[in-house]
Amino acid sequence: MFNQIKPAEPSWISRTGLWAITKFMLCSHFFARKIKIMGEVEGYLRWLNLKFSTTKLVRRRETLWNFMIKNMSSGRWVVYEFGVAWGYTTQYFLSKNIQTIERWHGFDRFTGLPRAWRDVGKGEFDAGGRTPNIEDSRIEWHVGNVEDTFSGLEIEKCSKCIIFDLDIYEPTLFAWKRFSENLLPGDLIYFDEAYDSDERKILEEEIIPNAELELIGSTVSALVVRYLGRKSC
């Protein structure tokens, strides 16, 4: 005769906790969204550890930008910013009086997202079609779809800092493909929404398999890497 084996069950605390969380998720879209984001962030941090053997986690993206600014303290640099919106990132960097930046290219439609992304609709982040009111002779704004405004621009042969904050996959991929054969060791690449599937797919499928990278730092959503060279076949 076989002894009856009782199936393992979660503890009362676990059952109650899961029930409470589920009820909150059903009743509150805000709470459900936060739980979903927490899961995405946890997966993103595990992914960072897998790909770079570290997270180098900091609290704020401005801390990452300060790391980038420190790395740009010598040489000649050109910055390519994809996704400008109201110009906060541009203003932050240029307010630091970085003399090594020779030119700043800012790409944006300035009329919002071309399609829905995550839980925001088409047209979100609309700056009313106006470029930021930042007075700096090094800035050149490129207004329109990246596929149109970046296709004919010559990529300069000096150190580059590339800031990706377009959020969505298609224009980010287009921009990356233009850079992929024009990078130099030491170039900096920043992804503002690396935890999201759109930007991470480009990192996973296009960049990491083909490039030697050094992780400089990350937040729970963003990362910056230094390009070291192409991977040998």
Foldseek 3Di string as FASTA:
>chain_A
DDDDDDDDDDDPVVVVVVVVLVVCVVVDVVSVVVVVLVVLLVVLQVVCCVQAVHAQADADVVVVVVLVLVLQQDWAEEEEEEDQLQNPVVCSNVVVVRVRYQAYEYEDQLQAACADADPDGGRPSRNVRDHHPDDDPRYDYQHDQLVPRVPPDDDDQIAYEYHDDSRAAPSVLVVVVVCVVRHDFFHKYKYQACSDPRNVVCCVPPNSVWFDWHWPHDYSGMTMITTHGTDDD
